[in-house]
């Protein structure tokens, strides 16, 4: 479950490596992937990705609790409360970052 979200969290972790790759002379000599390069060079993309990963961290933990075979209702309650707080905070942050 949530494979796409996990992949985006990994992309966020590899931000510096991706930027180094797209700025290398070898990659620039290819002259391909222009749309992807413009997205990866955009600071807004990285800000939104960070906000999304932080906002969805607690719901991802709830999914992990479902995989375990131990009682975890107290942890589930904690993560649901964290989800409520994080979602509202990072949604507000994303809106303010977009300038709307």
PDB file of N, CA and C in Angstrom:
ATOM      1  N   UNK A   1       0.828  -1.188   0.000  1.00  0.00           N
ATOM      2  CA  UNK A   1       0.000   0.000   0.000  1.00  0.00           C
ATOM      3  C   UNK A   1       0.871   1.250   0.000  1.00  0.00           C
ATOM      4  N   UNK A   2       0.409   2.279  -0.644  1.00  0.00           N
ATOM      5  CA  UNK A   2       1.038   3.600  -0.662  1.00  0.00           C
ATOM      6  C   UNK A   2       2.428   3.580  -1.281  1.00  0.00           C
ATOM      7  N   UNK A   3       2.625   2.763  -2.289  1.00  0.00           N
ATOM      8  CA  UNK A   3       3.927   2.681  -2.950  1.00  0.00           C
ATOM      9  C   UNK A   3       4.341   3.984  -3.599  1.00  0.00           C
ATOM     10  N   UNK A   4       3.390   4.711  -4.156  1.00  0.00           N
ATOM     11  CA  UNK A   4       3.721   5.988  -4.804  1.00  0.00           C
ATOM     12  C   UNK A   4       4.186   7.006  -3.770  1.00  0.00           C
ATOM     13  N   UNK A   5       3.551   7.021  -2.615  1.00  0.00           N
ATOM     14  CA  UNK A   5       3.972   7.954  -1.564  1.00  0.00           C
ATOM     15  C   UNK A   5       5.374   7.614  -1.061  1.00  0.00           C
ATOM     16  N   UNK A   6       5.654   6.359  -0.883  1.00  0.00           N
ATOM     17  CA  UNK A   6       6.989   5.937  -0.444  1.00  0.00           C
ATOM     18  C   UNK A   6       8.027   6.332  -1.488  1.00  0.00           C
ATOM     19  N   UNK A   7       7.698   6.176  -2.754  1.00  0.00           N
ATOM     20  CA  UNK A   7       8.627   6.557  -3.824  1.00  0.00           C
ATOM     21  C   UNK A   7       8.892   8.063  -3.806  1.00  0.00           C
ATOM     22  N   UNK A   8       7.869   8.871  -3.565  1.00  0.00           N
ATOM     23  CA  UNK A   8       8.060  10.322  -3.507  1.00  0.00           C
ATOM     24  C   UNK A   8       8.896  10.726  -2.294  1.00  0.00           C
ATOM     25  N   UNK A   9       8.735  10.023  -1.184  1.00  0.00           N
ATOM     26  CA  UNK A   9       9.589  10.294  -0.016  1.00  0.00           C
ATOM     27  C   UNK A   9      11.044   9.974  -0.331  1.00  0.00           C
ATOM     28  N   UNK A  10      11.274   8.940  -1.108  1.00  0.00           N
ATOM     29  CA  UNK A  10      12.643   8.605  -1.507  1.00  0.00           C
ATOM     30  C   UNK A  10      13.206   9.649  -2.466  1.00  0.00           C
ATOM     31  N   UNK A  11      12.362  10.176  -3.348  1.00  0.00           N
ATOM     32  CA  UNK A  11      12.804  11.253  -4.246  1.00  0.00           C
ATOM     33  C   UNK A  11      13.223  12.461  -3.429  1.00  0.00           C
ATOM     34  N   UNK A  12      12.452  12.780  -2.397  1.00  0.00           N
ATOM     35  CA  UNK A  12      12.803  13.911  -1.532  1.00  0.00           C
ATOM     36  C   UNK A  12      14.147  13.685  -0.852  1.00  0.00           C
ATOM     37  N   UNK A  13      14.379  12.461  -0.421  1.00  0.00           N
ATOM     38  CA  UNK A  13      15.650  12.146   0.228  1.00  0.00           C
ATOM     39  C   UNK A  13      16.821  12.265  -0.741  1.00  0.00           C
ATOM     40  N   UNK A  14      16.589  12.039  -2.014  1.00  0.00           N
ATOM     41  CA  UNK A  14      17.643  12.072  -3.025  1.00  0.00           C
ATOM     42  C   UNK A  14      17.721  13.405  -3.763  1.00  0.00           C
ATOM     43  N   UNK A  15      17.168  14.454  -3.182  1.00  0.00           N
ATOM     44  CA  UNK A  15      17.123  15.772  -3.826  1.00  0.00           C
ATOM     45  C   UNK A  15      18.513  16.235  -4.274  1.00  0.00           C
ATOM     46  N   UNK A  16      19.490  16.190  -3.395  1.00  0.00           N
ATOM     47  CA  UNK A  16      20.829  16.677  -3.733  1.00  0.00           C
ATOM     48  C   UNK A  16      21.468  15.844  -4.841  1.00  0.00           C
ATOM     49  N   UNK A  17      21.284  14.539  -4.798  1.00  0.00           N
ATOM     50  CA  UNK A  17      21.853  13.678  -5.835  1.00  0.00           C
ATOM     51  C   UNK A  17      21.195  13.941  -7.187  1.00  0.00           C
ATOM     52  N   UNK A  18      19.886  14.145  -7.197  1.00  0.00           N
ATOM     53  CA  UNK A  18      19.188  14.438  -8.454  1.00  0.00           C
ATOM     54  C   UNK A  18      19.636  15.767  -9.038  1.00  0.00           C
ATOM     55  N   UNK A  19      19.765  16.767  -8.180  1.00  0.00           N
ATOM     56  CA  UNK A  19      20.220  18.073  -8.677  1.00  0.00           C
ATOM     57  C   UNK A  19      21.646  18.002  -9.200  1.00  0.00           C
ATOM     58  N   UNK A  20      22.499  17.245  -8.545  1.00  0.00           N
ATOM     59  CA  UNK A  20      23.876  17.095  -9.022  1.00  0.00           C
ATOM     60  C   UNK A  20      23.904  16.377 -10.367  1.00  0.00           C
ATOM     61  N   UNK A  21      23.028  15.404 -10.532  1.00  0.00           N
ATOM     62  CA  UNK A  21      22.979  14.659 -11.787  1.00  0.00           C
ATOM     63  C   UNK A  21      22.511  15.528 -12.937  1.00  0.00           C
ATOM     64  N   UNK A  22      21.441  16.298 -12.734  1.00  0.00           N
ATOM     65  CA  UNK A  22      20.922  17.092 -13.850  1.00  0.00           C
ATOM     66  C   UNK A  22      21.810  18.280 -14.181  1.00  0.00           C
ATOM     67  N   UNK A  23      22.710  18.647 -13.276  1.00  0.00           N
ATOM     68  CA  UNK A  23      23.645  19.743 -13.550  1.00  0.00           C
ATOM     69  C   UNK A  23      24.992  19.265 -14.055  1.00  0.00           C
ATOM     70  N   UNK A  24      25.155  17.951 -14.174  1.00  0.00           N
ATOM     71  CA  UNK A  24      26.437  17.424 -14.653  1.00  0.00           C
ATOM     72  C   UNK A  24      26.564  17.640 -16.162  1.00  0.00           C
ATOM     73  N   UNK A  25      27.777  17.845 -16.647  1.00  0.00           N
ATOM     74  CA  UNK A  25      27.982  18.074 -18.090  1.00  0.00           C
ATOM     75  C   UNK A  25      27.545  16.886 -18.950  1.00  0.00           C
ATOM     76  N   UNK A  26      27.730  15.688 -18.440  1.00  0.00           N
ATOM     77  CA  UNK A  26      27.336  14.501 -19.207  1.00  0.00           C
ATOM     78  C   UNK A  26      25.827  14.471 -19.432  1.00  0.00           C
ATOM     79  N   UNK A  27      25.072  14.789 -18.382  1.00  0.00           N
ATOM     80  CA  UNK A  27      23.616  14.774 -18.506  1.00  0.00           C
ATOM     81  C   UNK A  27      23.139  15.914 -19.392  1.00  0.00           C
ATOM     82  N   UNK A  28      23.750  17.068 -19.265  1.00  0.00           N
ATOM     83  CA  UNK A  28      23.350  18.207 -20.091  1.00  0.00           C
ATOM     84  C   UNK A  28      23.648  17.959 -21.565  1.00  0.00           C
ATOM     85  N   UNK A  29      24.667  17.158 -21.841  1.00  0.00           N
ATOM     86  CA  UNK A  29      25.009  16.856 -23.231  1.00  0.00           C
ATOM     87  C   UNK A  29      23.934  16.008 -23.902  1.00  0.00           C
ATOM     88  N   UNK A  30      23.142  15.285 -23.127  1.00  0.00           N
ATOM     89  CA  UNK A  30      22.071  14.464 -23.709  1.00  0.00           C
ATOM     90  C   UNK A  30      20.971  15.319 -24.331  1.00  0.00           C
ATOM     91  N   UNK A  31      20.703  16.477 -23.746  1.00  0.00           N
ATOM     92  CA  UNK A  31      19.666  17.403 -24.213  1.00  0.00           C
ATOM     93  C   UNK A  31      18.291  16.743 -24.300  1.00  0.00           C
ATOM     94  N   UNK A  32      17.979  15.970 -23.288  1.00  0.00           N
ATOM     95  CA  UNK A  32      16.676  15.317 -23.196  1.00  0.00           C
ATOM     96  C   UNK A  32      16.061  15.639 -21.840  1.00  0.00           C
ATOM     97  N   UNK A  33      14.850  15.209 -21.648  1.00  0.00           N
ATOM     98  CA  UNK A  33      14.152  15.334 -20.369  1.00  0.00           C
ATOM     99  C   UNK A  33      14.015  16.788 -19.911  1.00  0.00           C
ATOM    100  N   UNK A  34      13.706  17.693 -20.816  1.00  0.00           N
ATOM    101  CA  UNK A  34      13.638  19.113 -20.467  1.00  0.00           C
ATOM    102  C   UNK A  34      12.508  19.418 -19.491  1.00  0.00           C
ATOM    103  N   UNK A  35      11.353  18.765 -19.645  1.00  0.00           N
ATOM    104  CA  UNK A  35      10.237  19.001 -18.736  1.00  0.00           C
ATOM    105  C   UNK A  35      10.573  18.506 -17.335  1.00  0.00           C
ATOM    106  N   UNK A  36      11.202  17.335 -17.250  1.00  0.00           N
ATOM    107  CA  UNK A  36      11.567  16.773 -15.957  1.00  0.00           C
ATOM    108  C   UNK A  36      12.622  17.635 -15.261  1.00  0.00           C
ATOM    109  N   UNK A  37      13.561  18.150 -16.034  1.00  0.00           N
ATOM    110  CA  UNK A  37      14.606  19.000 -15.462  1.00  0.00           C
ATOM    111  C   UNK A  37      14.000  20.273 -14.886  1.00  0.00           C
ATOM    112  N   UNK A  38      13.053  20.861 -15.604  1.00  0.00           N
ATOM    113  CA  UNK A  38      12.441  22.104 -15.102  1.00  0.00           C
ATOM    114  C   UNK A  38      11.678  21.847 -13.800  1.00  0.00           C
ATOM    115  N   UNK A  39      11.067  20.692 -13.680  1.00  0.00           N
ATOM    116  CA  UNK A  39      10.358  20.351 -12.437  1.00  0.00           C
ATOM    117  C   UNK A  39      11.345  20.144 -11.300  1.00  0.00           C
ATOM    118  N   UNK A  40      12.412  19.398 -11.562  1.00  0.00           N
ATOM    119  CA  UNK A  40      13.394  19.114 -10.503  1.00  0.00           C
ATOM    120  C   UNK A  40      14.179  20.345 -10.079  1.00  0.00           C
ATOM    121  N   UNK A  41      14.291  21.339 -10.937  1.00  0.00           N
ATOM    122  CA  UNK A  41      14.992  22.557 -10.574  1.00  0.00           C
ATOM    123  C   UNK A  41      14.087  23.570  -9.880  1.00  0.00           C
ATOM    124  N   UNK A  42      12.803  23.321  -9.888  1.00  0.00           N
ATOM    125  CA  UNK A  42      11.849  24.231  -9.261  1.00  0.00           C
ATOM    126  C   UNK A  42      11.862  24.046  -7.742  1.00  0.00           C
ATOM    127  N   UNK A  43      12.062  25.134  -7.029  1.00  0.00           N
ATOM    128  CA  UNK A  43      12.055  25.064  -5.565  1.00  0.00           C
ATOM    129  C   UNK A  43      10.646  24.829  -5.035  1.00  0.00           C
ATOM    130  N   UNK A  44       9.631  25.278  -5.789  1.00  0.00           N
ATOM    131  CA  UNK A  44       8.244  25.035  -5.380  1.00  0.00           C
ATOM    132  C   UNK A  44       7.926  23.546  -5.330  1.00  0.00           C
ATOM    133  N   UNK A  45       8.421  22.798  -6.310  1.00  0.00           N
ATOM    134  CA  UNK A  45       8.202  21.349  -6.325  1.00  0.00           C
ATOM    135  C   UNK A  45       8.724  20.720  -5.043  1.00  0.00           C
ATOM    136  N   UNK A  46       9.925  21.094  -4.625  1.00  0.00           N
ATOM    137  CA  UNK A  46      10.535  20.499  -3.428  1.00  0.00           C
ATOM    138  C   UNK A  46       9.795  20.937  -2.170  1.00  0.00           C
ATOM    139  N   UNK A  47       9.316  22.177  -2.133  1.00  0.00           N
ATOM    140  CA  UNK A  47       8.540  22.636  -0.977  1.00  0.00           C
ATOM    141  C   UNK A  47       7.233  21.873  -0.850  1.00  0.00           C
ATOM    142  N   UNK A  48       6.529  21.703  -1.973  1.00  0.00           N
ATOM    143  CA  UNK A  48       5.269  20.955  -1.946  1.00  0.00           C
ATOM    144  C   UNK A  48       5.507  19.487  -1.602  1.00  0.00           C
ATOM    145  N   UNK A  49       6.553  18.915  -2.130  1.00  0.00           N
ATOM    146  CA  UNK A  49       6.857  17.514  -1.841  1.00  0.00           C
ATOM    147  C   UNK A  49       7.171  17.324  -0.362  1.00  0.00           C
ATOM    148  N   UNK A  50       7.935  18.242   0.212  1.00  0.00           N
ATOM    149  CA  UNK A  50       8.236  18.160   1.637  1.00  0.00           C
ATOM    150  C   UNK A  50       6.967  18.281   2.468  1.00  0.00           C
ATOM    151  N   UNK A  51       6.112  19.228   2.117  1.00  0.00           N
ATOM    152  CA  UNK A  51       4.855  19.405   2.853  1.00  0.00           C
ATOM    153  C   UNK A  51       3.989  18.161   2.759  1.00  0.00           C
ATOM    154  N   UNK A  52       3.919  17.571   1.582  1.00  0.00           N
ATOM    155  CA  UNK A  52       3.105  16.373   1.408  1.00  0.00           C
ATOM    156  C   UNK A  52       3.658  15.206   2.223  1.00  0.00           C
ATOM    157  N   UNK A  53       4.966  15.032   2.193  1.00  0.00           N
ATOM    158  CA  UNK A  53       5.572  13.923   2.938  1.00  0.00           C
ATOM    159  C   UNK A  53       5.377  14.097   4.441  1.00  0.00           C
ATOM    160  N   UNK A  54       5.505  15.316   4.934  1.00  0.00           N
ATOM    161  CA  UNK A  54       5.308  15.556   6.365  1.00  0.00           C
ATOM    162  C   UNK A  54       3.845  15.389   6.762  1.00  0.00           C
ATOM    163  N   UNK A  55       2.932  15.860   5.919  1.00  0.00           N
ATOM    164  CA  UNK A  55       1.513  15.777   6.248  1.00  0.00           C
ATOM    165  C   UNK A  55       1.019  14.336   6.244  1.00  0.00           C
ATOM    166  N   UNK A  56       1.586  13.501   5.390  1.00  0.00           N
ATOM    167  CA  UNK A  56       1.115  12.124   5.274  1.00  0.00           C
ATOM    168  C   UNK A  56       1.945  11.124   6.063  1.00  0.00           C
ATOM    169  N   UNK A  57       2.857  11.600   6.902  1.00  0.00           N
ATOM    170  CA  UNK A  57       3.672  10.682   7.690  1.00  0.00           C
ATOM    171  C   UNK A  57       2.823   9.898   8.696  1.00  0.00           C
ATOM    172  N   UNK A  58       1.966  10.596   9.441  1.00  0.00           N
ATOM    173  CA  UNK A  58       1.140   9.924  10.447  1.00  0.00           C
ATOM    174  C   UNK A  58       0.164   8.914   9.829  1.00  0.00           C
ATOM    175  N   UNK A  59      -0.532   9.237   8.726  1.00  0.00           N
ATOM    176  CA  UNK A  59      -1.392   8.210   8.126  1.00  0.00           C
ATOM    177  C   UNK A  59      -0.607   6.989   7.635  1.00  0.00           C
ATOM    178  N   UNK A  60       0.628   7.214   7.204  1.00  0.00           N
ATOM    179  CA  UNK A  60       1.458   6.071   6.794  1.00  0.00           C
ATOM    180  C   UNK A  60       1.781   5.187   7.996  1.00  0.00           C
ATOM    181  N   UNK A  61       1.979   5.791   9.146  1.00  0.00           N
ATOM    182  CA  UNK A  61       2.224   5.019  10.365  1.00  0.00           C
ATOM    183  C   UNK A  61       0.983   4.208  10.747  1.00  0.00           C
ATOM    184  N   UNK A  62      -0.202   4.759  10.513  1.00  0.00           N
ATOM    185  CA  UNK A  62      -1.439   4.010  10.780  1.00  0.00           C
ATOM    186  C   UNK A  62      -1.502   2.781   9.882  1.00  0.00           C
ATOM    187  N   UNK A  63      -1.112   2.927   8.619  1.00  0.00           N
ATOM    188  CA  UNK A  63      -1.082   1.767   7.729  1.00  0.00           C
ATOM    189  C   UNK A  63      -0.104   0.710   8.230  1.00  0.00           C
ATOM    190  N   UNK A  64       1.026   1.132   8.751  1.00  0.00           N
ATOM    191  CA  UNK A  64       2.002   0.185   9.289  1.00  0.00           C
ATOM    192  C   UNK A  64       1.461  -0.528  10.522  1.00  0.00           C
ATOM    193  N   UNK A  65       0.658   0.172  11.338  1.00  0.00           N
ATOM    194  CA  UNK A  65       0.054  -0.463  12.511  1.00  0.00           C
ATOM    195  C   UNK A  65      -0.884  -1.586  12.100  1.00  0.00           C
ATOM    196  N   UNK A  66      -1.540  -1.421  10.973  1.00  0.00           N
ATOM    197  CA  UNK A  66      -2.460  -2.452  10.503  1.00  0.00           C
ATOM    198  C   UNK A  66      -1.723  -3.728  10.116  1.00  0.00           C
ATOM    199  N   UNK A  67      -0.454  -3.610   9.765  1.00  0.00           N
ATOM    200  CA  UNK A  67       0.331  -4.781   9.372  1.00  0.00           C
ATOM    201  C   UNK A  67       0.844  -5.580  10.565  1.00  0.00           C
ATOM    202  N   UNK A  68       0.887  -4.970  11.727  1.00  0.00           N
ATOM    203  CA  UNK A  68       1.434  -5.636  12.904  1.00  0.00           C
ATOM    204  C   UNK A  68       0.369  -6.500  13.568  1.00  0.00           C
ATOM    205  N   UNK A  69       0.821  -7.470  14.330  1.00  0.00           N
ATOM    206  CA  UNK A  69      -0.113  -8.357  15.021  1.00  0.00           C
ATOM    207  C   UNK A  69      -0.096  -8.100  16.518  1.00  0.00           C
ATOM    208  N   UNK A  70      -0.060  -6.824  16.882  1.00  0.00           N
ATOM    209  CA  UNK A  70      -0.100  -6.442  18.294  1.00  0.00           C
ATOM    210  C   UNK A  70      -1.184  -5.392  18.486  1.00  0.00           C
ATOM    211  N   UNK A  71      -1.665  -5.293  19.712  1.00  0.00           N
ATOM    212  CA  UNK A  71      -2.675  -4.285  20.008  1.00  0.00           C
ATOM    213  C   UNK A  71      -2.040  -2.901  19.930  1.00  0.00           C
ATOM    214  N   UNK A  72      -2.717  -1.996  19.251  1.00  0.00           N
ATOM    215  CA  UNK A  72      -2.117  -0.674  19.054  1.00  0.00           C
ATOM    216  C   UNK A  72      -3.164   0.430  18.946  1.00  0.00           C
ATOM    217  N   UNK A  73      -4.264   0.289  19.674  1.00  0.00           N
ATOM    218  CA  UNK A  73      -5.295   1.321  19.590  1.00  0.00           C
ATOM    219  C   UNK A  73      -4.817   2.656  20.151  1.00  0.00           C
ATOM    220  N   UNK A  74      -3.956   2.628  21.170  1.00  0.00           N
ATOM    221  CA  UNK A  74      -3.443   3.881  21.715  1.00  0.00           C
ATOM    222  C   UNK A  74      -2.554   4.589  20.699  1.00  0.00           C
ATOM    223  N   UNK A  75      -1.734   3.829  19.990  1.00  0.00           N
ATOM    224  CA  UNK A  75      -0.888   4.419  18.955  1.00  0.00           C
ATOM    225  C   UNK A  75      -1.739   4.930  17.799  1.00  0.00           C
ATOM    226  N   UNK A  76      -2.785   4.182  17.457  1.00  0.00           N
ATOM    227  CA  UNK A  76      -3.659   4.615  16.375  1.00  0.00           C
ATOM    228  C   UNK A  76      -4.323   5.943  16.737  1.00  0.00           C
ATOM    229  N   UNK A  77      -4.786   6.069  17.972  1.00  0.00           N
ATOM    230  CA  UNK A  77      -5.398   7.325  18.403  1.00  0.00           C
ATOM    231  C   UNK A  77      -4.385   8.471  18.315  1.00  0.00           C
ATOM    232  N   UNK A  78      -3.160   8.221  18.749  1.00  0.00           N
ATOM    233  CA  UNK A  78      -2.113   9.242  18.693  1.00  0.00           C
ATOM    234  C   UNK A  78      -1.854   9.674  17.254  1.00  0.00           C
ATOM    235  N   UNK A  79      -1.720   8.718  16.336  1.00  0.00           N
ATOM    236  CA  UNK A  79      -1.425   9.057  14.946  1.00  0.00           C
ATOM    237  C   UNK A  79      -2.605   9.737  14.253  1.00  0.00           C
ATOM    238  N   UNK A  80      -3.816   9.392  14.632  1.00  0.00           N
ATOM    239  CA  UNK A  80      -4.982  10.077  14.062  1.00  0.00           C
ATOM    240  C   UNK A  80      -4.996  11.537  14.523  1.00  0.00           C
ATOM    241  N   UNK A  81      -4.678  11.781  15.795  1.00  0.00           N
ATOM    242  CA  UNK A  81      -4.601  13.164  16.285  1.00  0.00           C
ATOM    243  C   UNK A  81      -3.464  13.921  15.601  1.00  0.00           C
ATOM    244  N   UNK A  82      -2.340  13.248  15.380  1.00  0.00           N
ATOM    245  CA  UNK A  82      -1.225  13.863  14.666  1.00  0.00           C
ATOM    246  C   UNK A  82      -1.609  14.184  13.225  1.00  0.00           C
ATOM    247  N   UNK A  83      -2.376  13.302  12.611  1.00  0.00           N
ATOM    248  CA  UNK A  83      -2.823  13.535  11.238  1.00  0.00           C
ATOM    249  C   UNK A  83      -3.680  14.797  11.162  1.00  0.00           C
ATOM    250  N   UNK A  84      -4.601  14.943  12.099  1.00  0.00           N
ATOM    251  CA  UNK A  84      -5.447  16.140  12.113  1.00  0.00           C
ATOM    252  C   UNK A  84      -4.611  17.410  12.228  1.00  0.00           C
ATOM    253  N   UNK A  85      -3.635  17.394  13.128  1.00  0.00           N
ATOM    254  CA  UNK A  85      -2.809  18.586  13.334  1.00  0.00           C
ATOM    255  C   UNK A  85      -1.898  18.846  12.137  1.00  0.00           C
ATOM    256  N   UNK A  86      -1.252  17.807  11.640  1.00  0.00           N
ATOM    257  CA  UNK A  86      -0.300  17.980  10.535  1.00  0.00           C
ATOM    258  C   UNK A  86      -0.978  18.365   9.229  1.00  0.00           C
ATOM    259  N   UNK A  87      -2.117  17.762   8.949  1.00  0.00           N
ATOM    260  CA  UNK A  87      -2.812  18.074   7.701  1.00  0.00           C
ATOM    261  C   UNK A  87      -3.196  19.548   7.642  1.00  0.00           C
ATOM    262  N   UNK A  88      -3.761  20.063   8.725  1.00  0.00           N
ATOM    263  CA  UNK A  88      -4.171  21.470   8.696  1.00  0.00           C
ATOM    264  C   UNK A  88      -2.956  22.390   8.624  1.00  0.00           C
ATOM    265  N   UNK A  89      -1.889  22.059   9.358  1.00  0.00           N
ATOM    266  CA  UNK A  89      -0.696  22.910   9.338  1.00  0.00           C
ATOM    267  C   UNK A  89      -0.042  22.933   7.965  1.00  0.00           C
ATOM    268  N   UNK A  90       0.187  21.766   7.382  1.00  0.00           N
ATOM    269  CA  UNK A  90       0.906  21.720   6.108  1.00  0.00           C
ATOM    270  C   UNK A  90       0.036  22.137   4.926  1.00  0.00           C
ATOM    271  N   UNK A  91      -1.279  22.003   5.038  1.00  0.00           N
ATOM    272  CA  UNK A  91      -2.152  22.547   3.995  1.00  0.00           C
ATOM    273  C   UNK A  91      -2.080  24.060   4.001  1.00  0.00           C
ATOM    274  N   UNK A  92      -2.109  24.654   5.192  1.00  0.00           N
ATOM    275  CA  UNK A  92      -1.970  26.113   5.300  1.00  0.00           C
ATOM    276  C   UNK A  92      -0.605  26.559   4.784  1.00  0.00           C
ATOM    277  N   UNK A  93       0.432  25.805   5.116  1.00  0.00           N
ATOM    278  CA  UNK A  93       1.787  26.136   4.658  1.00  0.00           C
ATOM    279  C   UNK A  93       1.892  26.054   3.135  1.00  0.00           C
ATOM    280  N   UNK A  94       1.272  25.028   2.536  1.00  0.00           N
ATOM    281  CA  UNK A  94       1.309  24.875   1.080  1.00  0.00           C
ATOM    282  C   UNK A  94       0.576  26.023   0.390  1.00  0.00           C
ATOM    283  N   UNK A  95      -0.553  26.433   0.958  1.00  0.00           N
ATOM    284  CA  UNK A  95      -1.312  27.542   0.379  1.00  0.00           C
ATOM    285  C   UNK A  95      -0.509  28.833   0.477  1.00  0.00           C
ATOM    286  N   UNK A  96       0.131  29.068   1.613  1.00  0.00           N
ATOM    287  CA  UNK A  96       0.923  30.295   1.750  1.00  0.00           C
ATOM    288  C   UNK A  96       2.157  30.262   0.861  1.00  0.00           C
ATOM    289  N   UNK A  97       2.749  29.086   0.657  1.00  0.00           N
ATOM    290  CA  UNK A  97       3.899  28.976  -0.240  1.00  0.00           C
ATOM    291  C   UNK A  97       3.526  29.214  -1.693  1.00  0.00           C
ATOM    292  N   UNK A  98       2.283  28.892  -2.048  1.00  0.00           N
ATOM    293  CA  UNK A  98       1.863  29.070  -3.430  1.00  0.00           C
ATOM    294  C   UNK A  98       1.552  30.530  -3.755  1.00  0.00           C
ATOM    295  N   UNK A  99       1.382  31.349  -2.722  1.00  0.00           N
ATOM    296  CA  UNK A  99       1.118  32.769  -2.940  1.00  0.00           C
ATOM    297  C   UNK A  99      -0.313  33.080  -3.268  1.00  0.00           C
ATOM    298  N   UNK A 100      -1.224  32.188  -2.965  1.00  0.00           N
ATOM    299  CA  UNK A 100      -2.654  32.420  -3.260  1.00  0.00           C
ATOM    300  C   UNK A 100      -3.361  32.990  -2.085  1.00  0.00           C
TER     301      UNK A 100
END
